[in-house]
PDB file of N, CA and C in Angstrom:
ATOM      1  N   MET A   1     -14.482-100.207 -22.793  1.00  0.00           N
ATOM      2  CA  MET A   1     -14.049 -99.122 -21.922  1.00  0.00           C
ATOM      3  C   MET A   1     -12.536 -98.951 -22.036  1.00  0.00           C
ATOM      4  N   ASN A   2     -12.137 -97.707 -22.061  1.00  0.00           N
ATOM      5  CA  ASN A   2     -10.701 -97.445 -22.122  1.00  0.00           C
ATOM      6  C   ASN A   2     -10.195 -97.023 -20.734  1.00  0.00           C
ATOM      7  N   ALA A   3      -8.935 -96.705 -20.664  1.00  0.00           N
ATOM      8  CA  ALA A   3      -8.313 -96.389 -19.371  1.00  0.00           C
ATOM      9  C   ALA A   3      -8.904 -95.132 -18.749  1.00  0.00           C
ATOM     10  N   LEU A   4      -9.304 -94.179 -19.563  1.00  0.00           N
ATOM     11  CA  LEU A   4      -9.888 -92.943 -19.036  1.00  0.00           C
ATOM     12  C   LEU A   4     -11.235 -93.208 -18.367  1.00  0.00           C
ATOM     13  N   ASP A   5     -12.029 -94.108 -18.928  1.00  0.00           N
ATOM     14  CA  ASP A   5     -13.303 -94.464 -18.311  1.00  0.00           C
ATOM     15  C   ASP A   5     -13.090 -95.140 -16.962  1.00  0.00           C
ATOM     16  N   TYR A   6     -12.071 -95.990 -16.871  1.00  0.00           N
ATOM     17  CA  TYR A   6     -11.764 -96.631 -15.596  1.00  0.00           C
ATOM     18  C   TYR A   6     -11.295 -95.612 -14.559  1.00  0.00           C
ATOM     19  N   SER A   7     -10.524 -94.629 -14.996  1.00  0.00           N
ATOM     20  CA  SER A   7     -10.063 -93.621 -14.041  1.00  0.00           C
ATOM     21  C   SER A   7     -11.219 -92.743 -13.567  1.00  0.00           C
ATOM     22  N   PHE A   8     -12.164 -92.420 -14.457  1.00  0.00           N
ATOM     23  CA  PHE A   8     -13.344 -91.662 -14.043  1.00  0.00           C
ATOM     24  C   PHE A   8     -14.171 -92.457 -13.031  1.00  0.00           C
ATOM     25  N   ALA A   9     -14.333 -93.751 -13.276  1.00  0.00           N
ATOM     26  CA  ALA A   9     -15.099 -94.592 -12.349  1.00  0.00           C
ATOM     27  C   ALA A   9     -14.397 -94.705 -11.003  1.00  0.00           C
ATOM     28  N   ALA A  10     -13.091 -94.872 -11.021  1.00  0.00           N
ATOM     29  CA  ALA A  10     -12.342 -94.969  -9.767  1.00  0.00           C
ATOM     30  C   ALA A  10     -12.408 -93.657  -8.987  1.00  0.00           C
ATOM     31  N   THR A  11     -12.340 -92.549  -9.692  1.00  0.00           N
ATOM     32  CA  THR A  11     -12.442 -91.248  -9.037  1.00  0.00           C
ATOM     33  C   THR A  11     -13.815 -91.059  -8.423  1.00  0.00           C
ATOM     34  N   ALA A  12     -14.862 -91.472  -9.116  1.00  0.00           N
ATOM     35  CA  ALA A  12     -16.216 -91.362  -8.575  1.00  0.00           C
ATOM     36  C   ALA A  12     -16.385 -92.212  -7.320  1.00  0.00           C
ATOM     37  N   VAL A  13     -15.803 -93.402  -7.318  1.00  0.00           N
ATOM     38  CA  VAL A  13     -15.887 -94.268  -6.131  1.00  0.00           C
ATOM     39  C   VAL A  13     -15.145 -93.640  -4.957  1.00  0.00           C
ATOM     40  N   MET A  14     -13.977 -93.088  -5.212  1.00  0.00           N
ATOM     41  CA  MET A  14     -13.212 -92.451  -4.132  1.00  0.00           C
ATOM     42  C   MET A  14     -13.918 -91.202  -3.597  1.00  0.00           C
ATOM     43  N   LEU A  15     -14.530 -90.424  -4.494  1.00  0.00           N
ATOM     44  CA  LEU A  15     -15.293 -89.263  -4.047  1.00  0.00           C
ATOM     45  C   LEU A  15     -16.493 -89.689  -3.215  1.00  0.00           C
ATOM     46  N   GLY A  16     -17.154 -90.764  -3.613  1.00  0.00           N
ATOM     47  CA  GLY A  16     -18.284 -91.279  -2.842  1.00  0.00           C
ATOM     48  C   GLY A  16     -17.870 -91.736  -1.455  1.00  0.00           C
ATOM     49  N   ALA A  17     -16.751 -92.428  -1.367  1.00  0.00           N
ATOM     50  CA  ALA A  17     -16.252 -92.864  -0.059  1.00  0.00           C
ATOM     51  C   ALA A  17     -15.865 -91.664   0.795  1.00  0.00           C
ATOM     52  N   SER A  18     -15.296 -90.653   0.182  1.00  0.00           N
ATOM     53  CA  SER A  18     -14.918 -89.449   0.918  1.00  0.00           C
ATOM     54  C   SER A  18     -16.146 -88.715   1.441  1.00  0.00           C
ATOM     55  N   VAL A  19     -17.198 -88.673   0.637  1.00  0.00           N
ATOM     56  CA  VAL A  19     -18.433 -88.034   1.090  1.00  0.00           C
ATOM     57  C   VAL A  19     -19.019 -88.787   2.282  1.00  0.00           C
ATOM     58  N   LEU A  20     -18.984 -90.095   2.240  1.00  0.00           N
ATOM     59  CA  LEU A  20     -19.494 -90.882   3.370  1.00  0.00           C
ATOM     60  C   LEU A  20     -18.708 -90.595   4.646  1.00  0.00           C
ATOM     61  N   LEU A  21     -17.398 -90.512   4.541  1.00  0.00           N
ATOM     62  CA  LEU A  21     -16.578 -90.200   5.710  1.00  0.00           C
ATOM     63  C   LEU A  21     -16.829 -88.786   6.217  1.00  0.00           C
ATOM     64  N   ALA A  22     -17.008 -87.842   5.301  1.00  0.00           N
ATOM     65  CA  ALA A  22     -17.267 -86.459   5.705  1.00  0.00           C
ATOM     66  C   ALA A  22     -18.649 -86.321   6.343  1.00  0.00           C
ATOM     67  N   VAL A  23     -19.629 -87.036   5.825  1.00  0.00           N
ATOM     68  CA  VAL A  23     -20.965 -87.009   6.426  1.00  0.00           C
ATOM     69  C   VAL A  23     -20.929 -87.653   7.813  1.00  0.00           C
ATOM     70  N   TYR A  24     -20.145 -88.680   7.972  1.00  0.00           N
ATOM     71  CA  TYR A  24     -19.974 -89.281   9.293  1.00  0.00           C
ATOM     72  C   TYR A  24     -19.411 -88.248  10.272  1.00  0.00           C
ATOM     73  N   ARG A  25     -18.412 -87.487   9.850  1.00  0.00           N
ATOM     74  CA  ARG A  25     -17.831 -86.439  10.697  1.00  0.00           C
ATOM     75  C   ARG A  25     -18.854 -85.348  10.962  1.00  0.00           C
ATOM     76  N   LEU A  26     -19.679 -85.060   9.971  1.00  0.00           N
ATOM     77  CA  LEU A  26     -20.713 -84.041  10.107  1.00  0.00           C
ATOM     78  C   LEU A  26     -21.756 -84.457  11.145  1.00  0.00           C
ATOM     79  N   VAL A  27     -22.124 -85.712  11.152  1.00  0.00           N
ATOM     80  CA  VAL A  27     -23.147 -86.198  12.077  1.00  0.00           C
ATOM     81  C   VAL A  27     -22.571 -86.469  13.455  1.00  0.00           C
ATOM     82  N   ARG A  28     -21.414 -87.090  13.529  1.00  0.00           N
ATOM     83  CA  ARG A  28     -20.858 -87.542  14.799  1.00  0.00           C
ATOM     84  C   ARG A  28     -19.814 -86.608  15.399  1.00  0.00           C
ATOM     85  N   GLY A  29     -19.570 -85.461  14.757  1.00  0.00           N
ATOM     86  CA  GLY A  29     -18.525 -84.564  15.239  1.00  0.00           C
ATOM     87  C   GLY A  29     -18.738 -84.173  16.693  1.00  0.00           C
ATOM     88  N   PRO A  30     -17.723 -84.257  17.508  1.00  0.00           N
ATOM     89  CA  PRO A  30     -17.927 -83.946  18.928  1.00  0.00           C
ATOM     90  C   PRO A  30     -18.136 -82.461  19.189  1.00  0.00           C
ATOM     91  N   SER A  31     -17.710 -81.597  18.281  1.00  0.00           N
ATOM     92  CA  SER A  31     -17.893 -80.170  18.504  1.00  0.00           C
ATOM     93  C   SER A  31     -18.533 -79.534  17.281  1.00  0.00           C
ATOM     94  N   VAL A  32     -18.945 -78.296  17.452  1.00  0.00           N
ATOM     95  CA  VAL A  32     -19.559 -77.563  16.352  1.00  0.00           C
ATOM     96  C   VAL A  32     -18.547 -77.322  15.232  1.00  0.00           C
ATOM     97  N   LEU A  33     -17.315 -77.041  15.597  1.00  0.00           N
ATOM     98  CA  LEU A  33     -16.299 -76.793  14.566  1.00  0.00           C
ATOM     99  C   LEU A  33     -16.008 -78.046  13.737  1.00  0.00           C
ATOM    100  N   ASP A  34     -16.074 -79.218  14.353  1.00  0.00           N
ATOM    101  CA  ASP A  34     -15.918 -80.458  13.580  1.00  0.00           C
ATOM    102  C   ASP A  34     -17.045 -80.597  12.564  1.00  0.00           C
ATOM    103  N   ARG A  35     -18.243 -80.219  12.965  1.00  0.00           N
ATOM    104  CA  ARG A  35     -19.370 -80.278  12.038  1.00  0.00           C
ATOM    105  C   ARG A  35     -19.219 -79.258  10.917  1.00  0.00           C
ATOM    106  N   VAL A  36     -18.685 -78.100  11.222  1.00  0.00           N
ATOM    107  CA  VAL A  36     -18.457 -77.082  10.191  1.00  0.00           C
ATOM    108  C   VAL A  36     -17.419 -77.574   9.188  1.00  0.00           C
ATOM    109  N   VAL A  37     -16.359 -78.181   9.673  1.00  0.00           N
ATOM    110  CA  VAL A  37     -15.335 -78.727   8.778  1.00  0.00           C
ATOM    111  C   VAL A  37     -15.931 -79.842   7.918  1.00  0.00           C
ATOM    112  N   GLY A  38     -16.779 -80.666   8.514  1.00  0.00           N
ATOM    113  CA  GLY A  38     -17.447 -81.717   7.745  1.00  0.00           C
ATOM    114  C   GLY A  38     -18.339 -81.148   6.654  1.00  0.00           C
ATOM    115  N   LEU A  39     -19.080 -80.095   6.976  1.00  0.00           N
ATOM    116  CA  LEU A  39     -19.941 -79.470   5.979  1.00  0.00           C
ATOM    117  C   LEU A  39     -19.126 -78.830   4.864  1.00  0.00           C
ATOM    118  N   SER A  40     -18.030 -78.193   5.218  1.00  0.00           N
ATOM    119  CA  SER A  40     -17.159 -77.599   4.215  1.00  0.00           C
ATOM    120  C   SER A  40     -16.559 -78.676   3.313  1.00  0.00           C
ATOM    121  N   THR A  41     -16.171 -79.782   3.899  1.00  0.00           N
ATOM    122  CA  THR A  41     -15.608 -80.880   3.120  1.00  0.00           C
ATOM    123  C   THR A  41     -16.642 -81.466   2.166  1.00  0.00           C
ATOM    124  N   VAL A  42     -17.876 -81.599   2.632  1.00  0.00           N
ATOM    125  CA  VAL A  42     -18.933 -82.122   1.768  1.00  0.00           C
ATOM    126  C   VAL A  42     -19.173 -81.180   0.590  1.00  0.00           C
ATOM    127  N   SER A  43     -19.152 -79.878   0.837  1.00  0.00           N
ATOM    128  CA  SER A  43     -19.367 -78.942  -0.272  1.00  0.00           C
ATOM    129  C   SER A  43     -18.223 -79.010  -1.284  1.00  0.00           C
ATOM    130  N   VAL A  44     -17.003 -79.129  -0.811  1.00  0.00           N
ATOM    131  CA  VAL A  44     -15.867 -79.252  -1.738  1.00  0.00           C
ATOM    132  C   VAL A  44     -15.954 -80.552  -2.536  1.00  0.00           C
ATOM    133  N   LEU A  45     -16.345 -81.630  -1.882  1.00  0.00           N
ATOM    134  CA  LEU A  45     -16.470 -82.908  -2.587  1.00  0.00           C
ATOM    135  C   LEU A  45     -17.617 -82.877  -3.592  1.00  0.00           C
ATOM    136  N   LEU A  46     -18.682 -82.161  -3.266  1.00  0.00           N
ATOM    137  CA  LEU A  46     -19.789 -82.021  -4.205  1.00  0.00           C
ATOM    138  C   LEU A  46     -19.348 -81.253  -5.451  1.00  0.00           C
ATOM    139  N   VAL A  47     -18.600 -80.194  -5.264  1.00  0.00           N
ATOM    140  CA  VAL A  47     -18.064 -79.449  -6.406  1.00  0.00           C
ATOM    141  C   VAL A  47     -17.131 -80.342  -7.217  1.00  0.00           C
ATOM    142  N   SER A  48     -16.322 -81.154  -6.547  1.00  0.00           N
ATOM    143  CA  SER A  48     -15.421 -82.065  -7.257  1.00  0.00           C
ATOM    144  C   SER A  48     -16.184 -83.099  -8.063  1.00  0.00           C
ATOM    145  N   PHE A  49     -17.273 -83.606  -7.504  1.00  0.00           N
ATOM    146  CA  PHE A  49     -18.072 -84.598  -8.218  1.00  0.00           C
ATOM    147  C   PHE A  49     -18.737 -83.967  -9.449  1.00  0.00           C
ATOM    148  N   ILE A  50     -19.237 -82.741  -9.311  1.00  0.00           N
ATOM    149  CA  ILE A  50     -19.834 -82.061 -10.460  1.00  0.00           C
ATOM    150  C   ILE A  50     -18.761 -81.802 -11.522  1.00  0.00           C
ATOM    151  N   ALA A  51     -17.560 -81.424 -11.091  1.00  0.00           N
ATOM    152  CA  ALA A  51     -16.462 -81.216 -12.046  1.00  0.00           C
ATOM    153  C   ALA A  51     -16.120 -82.516 -12.779  1.00  0.00           C
ATOM    154  N   LEU A  52     -16.178 -83.631 -12.068  1.00  0.00           N
ATOM    155  CA  LEU A  52     -15.934 -84.923 -12.707  1.00  0.00           C
ATOM    156  C   LEU A  52     -16.998 -85.211 -13.758  1.00  0.00           C
ATOM    157  N   GLN A  53     -18.240 -84.916 -13.444  1.00  0.00           N
ATOM    158  CA  GLN A  53     -19.318 -85.132 -14.413  1.00  0.00           C
ATOM    159  C   GLN A  53     -19.174 -84.213 -15.629  1.00  0.00           C
ATOM    160  N   VAL A  54     -18.733 -82.985 -15.393  1.00  0.00           N
ATOM    161  CA  VAL A  54     -18.481 -82.074 -16.514  1.00  0.00           C
ATOM    162  C   VAL A  54     -17.371 -82.638 -17.403  1.00  0.00           C
ATOM    163  N   ALA A  55     -16.343 -83.200 -16.794  1.00  0.00           N
ATOM    164  CA  ALA A  55     -15.242 -83.769 -17.572  1.00  0.00           C
ATOM    165  C   ALA A  55     -15.687 -85.011 -18.337  1.00  0.00           C
ATOM    166  N   VAL A  56     -16.539 -85.824 -17.720  1.00  0.00           N
ATOM    167  CA  VAL A  56     -16.983 -87.055 -18.377  1.00  0.00           C
ATOM    168  C   VAL A  56     -17.895 -86.731 -19.556  1.00  0.00           C
ATOM    169  N   ARG A  57     -18.844 -85.844 -19.324  1.00  0.00           N
ATOM    170  CA  ARG A  57     -19.831 -85.535 -20.359  1.00  0.00           C
ATOM    171  C   ARG A  57     -19.352 -84.505 -21.373  1.00  0.00           C
ATOM    172  N   GLY A  58     -18.384 -83.689 -20.991  1.00  0.00           N
ATOM    173  CA  GLY A  58     -17.916 -82.648 -21.886  1.00  0.00           C
ATOM    174  C   GLY A  58     -18.881 -81.479 -21.987  1.00  0.00           C
ATOM    175  N   ASP A  59     -19.804 -81.379 -21.042  1.00  0.00           N
ATOM    176  CA  ASP A  59     -20.815 -80.325 -21.038  1.00  0.00           C
ATOM    177  C   ASP A  59     -20.477 -79.336 -19.927  1.00  0.00           C
ATOM    178  N   SER A  60     -20.222 -78.099 -20.296  1.00  0.00           N
ATOM    179  CA  SER A  60     -19.792 -77.117 -19.303  1.00  0.00           C
ATOM    180  C   SER A  60     -20.948 -76.281 -18.752  1.00  0.00           C
ATOM    181  N   SER A  61     -22.163 -76.751 -18.883  1.00  0.00           N
ATOM    182  CA  SER A  61     -23.302 -75.968 -18.412  1.00  0.00           C
ATOM    183  C   SER A  61     -23.436 -75.982 -16.894  1.00  0.00           C
ATOM    184  N   TYR A  62     -22.738 -76.850 -16.205  1.00  0.00           N
ATOM    185  CA  TYR A  62     -22.824 -76.934 -14.749  1.00  0.00           C
ATOM    186  C   TYR A  62     -21.745 -76.119 -14.032  1.00  0.00           C
ATOM    187  N   VAL A  63     -20.969 -75.364 -14.758  1.00  0.00           N
ATOM    188  CA  VAL A  63     -19.899 -74.579 -14.144  1.00  0.00           C
ATOM    189  C   VAL A  63     -20.478 -73.524 -13.210  1.00  0.00           C
ATOM    190  N   GLY A  64     -21.588 -72.921 -13.571  1.00  0.00           N
ATOM    191  CA  GLY A  64     -22.244 -71.950 -12.703  1.00  0.00           C
ATOM    192  C   GLY A  64     -22.716 -72.564 -11.401  1.00  0.00           C
ATOM    193  N   VAL A  65     -23.216 -73.774 -11.484  1.00  0.00           N
ATOM    194  CA  VAL A  65     -23.646 -74.485 -10.277  1.00  0.00           C
ATOM    195  C   VAL A  65     -22.444 -74.766  -9.379  1.00  0.00           C
ATOM    196  N   MET A  66     -21.330 -75.141  -9.992  1.00  0.00           N
ATOM    197  CA  MET A  66     -20.113 -75.411  -9.215  1.00  0.00           C
ATOM    198  C   MET A  66     -19.647 -74.156  -8.492  1.00  0.00           C
ATOM    199  N   VAL A  67     -19.640 -73.034  -9.177  1.00  0.00           N
ATOM    200  CA  VAL A  67     -19.193 -71.786  -8.566  1.00  0.00           C
ATOM    201  C   VAL A  67     -20.137 -71.389  -7.435  1.00  0.00           C
ATOM    202  N   THR A  68     -21.435 -71.550  -7.640  1.00  0.00           N
ATOM    203  CA  THR A  68     -22.413 -71.200  -6.610  1.00  0.00           C
ATOM    204  C   THR A  68     -22.236 -72.050  -5.359  1.00  0.00           C
ATOM    205  N   ILE A  69     -22.072 -73.348  -5.525  1.00  0.00           N
ATOM    206  CA  ILE A  69     -21.889 -74.233  -4.372  1.00  0.00           C
ATOM    207  C   ILE A  69     -20.585 -73.916  -3.660  1.00  0.00           C
ATOM    208  N   ALA A  70     -19.541 -73.639  -4.421  1.00  0.00           N
ATOM    209  CA  ALA A  70     -18.249 -73.309  -3.805  1.00  0.00           C
ATOM    210  C   ALA A  70     -18.342 -72.009  -3.004  1.00  0.00           C
ATOM    211  N   LEU A  71     -19.002 -71.002  -3.559  1.00  0.00           N
ATOM    212  CA  LEU A  71     -19.145 -69.737  -2.834  1.00  0.00           C
ATOM    213  C   LEU A  71     -20.015 -69.887  -1.589  1.00  0.00           C
ATOM    214  N   LEU A  72     -21.104 -70.635  -1.686  1.00  0.00           N
ATOM    215  CA  LEU A  72     -21.954 -70.853  -0.516  1.00  0.00           C
ATOM    216  C   LEU A  72     -21.207 -71.615   0.572  1.00  0.00           C
ATOM    217  N   GLY A  73     -20.428 -72.609   0.189  1.00  0.00           N
ATOM    218  CA  GLY A  73     -19.632 -73.349   1.170  1.00  0.00           C
ATOM    219  C   GLY A  73     -18.597 -72.470   1.834  1.00  0.00           C
ATOM    220  N   PHE A  74     -17.969 -71.599   1.064  1.00  0.00           N
ATOM    221  CA  PHE A  74     -16.966 -70.684   1.600  1.00  0.00           C
ATOM    222  C   PHE A  74     -17.591 -69.699   2.581  1.00  0.00           C
ATOM    223  N   VAL A  75     -18.710 -69.107   2.193  1.00  0.00           N
ATOM    224  CA  VAL A  75     -19.384 -68.133   3.064  1.00  0.00           C
ATOM    225  C   VAL A  75     -19.896 -68.813   4.329  1.00  0.00           C
ATOM    226  N   ALA A  76     -20.408 -70.012   4.212  1.00  0.00           N
ATOM    227  CA  ALA A  76     -20.885 -70.738   5.397  1.00  0.00           C
ATOM    228  C   ALA A  76     -19.741 -71.047   6.351  1.00  0.00           C
ATOM    229  N   THR A  77     -18.605 -71.423   5.824  1.00  0.00           N
ATOM    230  CA  THR A  77     -17.453 -71.702   6.671  1.00  0.00           C
ATOM    231  C   THR A  77     -16.958 -70.444   7.374  1.00  0.00           C
ATOM    232  N   LEU A  78     -16.893 -69.338   6.640  1.00  0.00           N
ATOM    233  CA  LEU A  78     -16.477 -68.076   7.257  1.00  0.00           C
ATOM    234  C   LEU A  78     -17.448 -67.622   8.332  1.00  0.00           C
ATOM    235  N   THR A  79     -18.729 -67.750   8.073  1.00  0.00           N
ATOM    236  CA  THR A  79     -19.744 -67.351   9.048  1.00  0.00           C
ATOM    237  C   THR A  79     -19.646 -68.191  10.313  1.00  0.00           C
ATOM    238  N   ALA A  80     -19.488 -69.487  10.162  1.00  0.00           N
ATOM    239  CA  ALA A  80     -19.374 -70.356  11.325  1.00  0.00           C
ATOM    240  C   ALA A  80     -18.094 -70.076  12.105  1.00  0.00           C
ATOM    241  N   ALA A  81     -17.007 -69.766  11.407  1.00  0.00           N
ATOM    242  CA  ALA A  81     -15.747 -69.454  12.095  1.00  0.00           C
ATOM    243  C   ALA A  81     -15.865 -68.151  12.882  1.00  0.00           C
ATOM    244  N   ARG A  82     -16.516 -67.159  12.296  1.00  0.00           N
ATOM    245  CA  ARG A  82     -16.715 -65.891  13.027  1.00  0.00           C
ATOM    246  C   ARG A  82     -17.608 -66.093  14.239  1.00  0.00           C
ATOM    247  N   PHE A  83     -18.647 -66.912  14.078  1.00  0.00           N
ATOM    248  CA  PHE A  83     -19.535 -67.207  15.195  1.00  0.00           C
ATOM    249  C   PHE A  83     -18.774 -67.915  16.315  1.00  0.00           C
ATOM    250  N   ALA A  84     -17.950 -68.875  15.963  1.00  0.00           N
ATOM    251  CA  ALA A  84     -17.181 -69.613  16.968  1.00  0.00           C
ATOM    252  C   ALA A  84     -16.169 -68.706  17.650  1.00  0.00           C
ATOM    253  N   GLU A  85     -15.562 -67.790  16.876  1.00  0.00           N
ATOM    254  CA  GLU A  85     -14.596 -66.864  17.468  1.00  0.00           C
ATOM    255  C   GLU A  85     -15.287 -65.925  18.463  1.00  0.00           C
ATOM    256  N   ARG A  86     -16.426 -65.404  18.093  1.00  0.00           N
ATOM    257  CA  ARG A  86     -17.146 -64.518  19.012  1.00  0.00           C
ATOM    258  C   ARG A  86     -17.609 -65.254  20.248  1.00  0.00           C
ATOM    259  N   ARG A  87     -18.045 -66.487  20.059  1.00  0.00           N
ATOM    260  CA  ARG A  87     -18.487 -67.277  21.201  1.00  0.00           C
ATOM    261  C   ARG A  87     -17.331 -67.570  22.151  1.00  0.00           C
ATOM    262  N   ALA A  88     -16.158 -67.866  21.596  1.00  0.00           N
ATOM    263  CA  ALA A  88     -14.969 -68.107  22.439  1.00  0.00           C
ATOM    264  C   ALA A  88     -14.526 -66.821  23.111  1.00  0.00           C
ATOM    265  N   HIS A  89     -14.663 -65.692  22.427  1.00  0.00           N
ATOM    266  CA  HIS A  89     -14.267 -64.401  23.012  1.00  0.00           C
ATOM    267  C   HIS A  89     -15.215 -64.021  24.147  1.00  0.00           C
ATOM    268  N   ASP A  90     -16.488 -64.347  24.021  1.00  0.00           N
ATOM    269  CA  ASP A  90     -17.457 -64.031  25.067  1.00  0.00           C
ATOM    270  C   ASP A  90     -17.238 -64.867  26.316  1.00  0.00           C
ATOM    271  N   ARG A  91     -16.676 -66.054  26.175  1.00  0.00           N
ATOM    272  CA  ARG A  91     -16.426 -66.909  27.333  1.00  0.00           C
ATOM    273  C   ARG A  91     -15.278 -66.388  28.196  1.00  0.00           C
ATOM    274  N   ASP A  92     -14.343 -65.678  27.581  1.00  0.00           N
ATOM    275  CA  ASP A  92     -13.173 -65.185  28.325  1.00  0.00           C
ATOM    276  C   ASP A  92     -13.519 -64.054  29.242  1.00  0.00           C
TER     277      ASP A  92
END
């Protein structure tokens, strides 16, 4: 193994630890917005992990999957933010 293989492995371990922390926030978040941030973070980390696999394997066939997951995560975050804004506006 060369230094690049070690860096890929270290990056995968750090991404895995980050996903665990984000899932913890997703499950234990005290508010709905904390859960939305956790879900958004998980989607970004998933795209990062797929990008790491594309870099390791040299196969760019998963780029479409990365774009799809990123767009779905973005739209979900925007939808949840609009819902939270309307809900806060209705309380006033």
